[in-house]
Amino acid sequence: MSHETRLREMKLELPPAAKPMGVYRPIVLVENMAYLSGHGPMKPDGTLLTGCVGADIDQQGGYEAARQTGLAMLATLRDGLGTLDRVRRVIKVLGMVHCTPDFQAQPAVINGFSELFAELFGPEQGVGARSAVGTASLPGNIIVEVEAIFEIE
């Protein structure tokens, strides 16, 4: 089954593709690799989910923000590649969680992103190497930021 068909079956709504908020590109294609800059939890209306896990929102709210970040990254992939069917596999993910100093469940928050990609692309192609870290702040007070590398056709 194609990734585009699977996305429709999952009834997922993608937000608008990311536009640069500085001097960078949201996606860079080099041979059979796609490098995606940090993405935040953009909603379909173009607004971003903001706050701090452990202070303003709980772990589940962070998980949902990470999932929404995954949807934003899918929009950029589709925009840059023309179709999600060109994605072969997830190679590497770096997830950053805006959280309080005592919050220690960053991997559980970033699972919101990772589980989305595993469900869409499958357990082999949708799961890559990953890091999940906590940060004192993120641009625009967003809850999570994720950057990733993909193998493409």
Foldseek 3Di string as FASTA:
>chain_A
DALVVLCVVVVDDAAAADDDPDPDDQWDDDDQKIWGDKFWQADNVGDGAADADPPPHHLVVLLQRLLSRLSNNLNNCCVVVVHPRFFQAWAEKEKEFQYDPPDDPQVSSNVSNQVNQCSSNNVPRSDHHYDGYYDNADPPRTGMIMITMTGGD
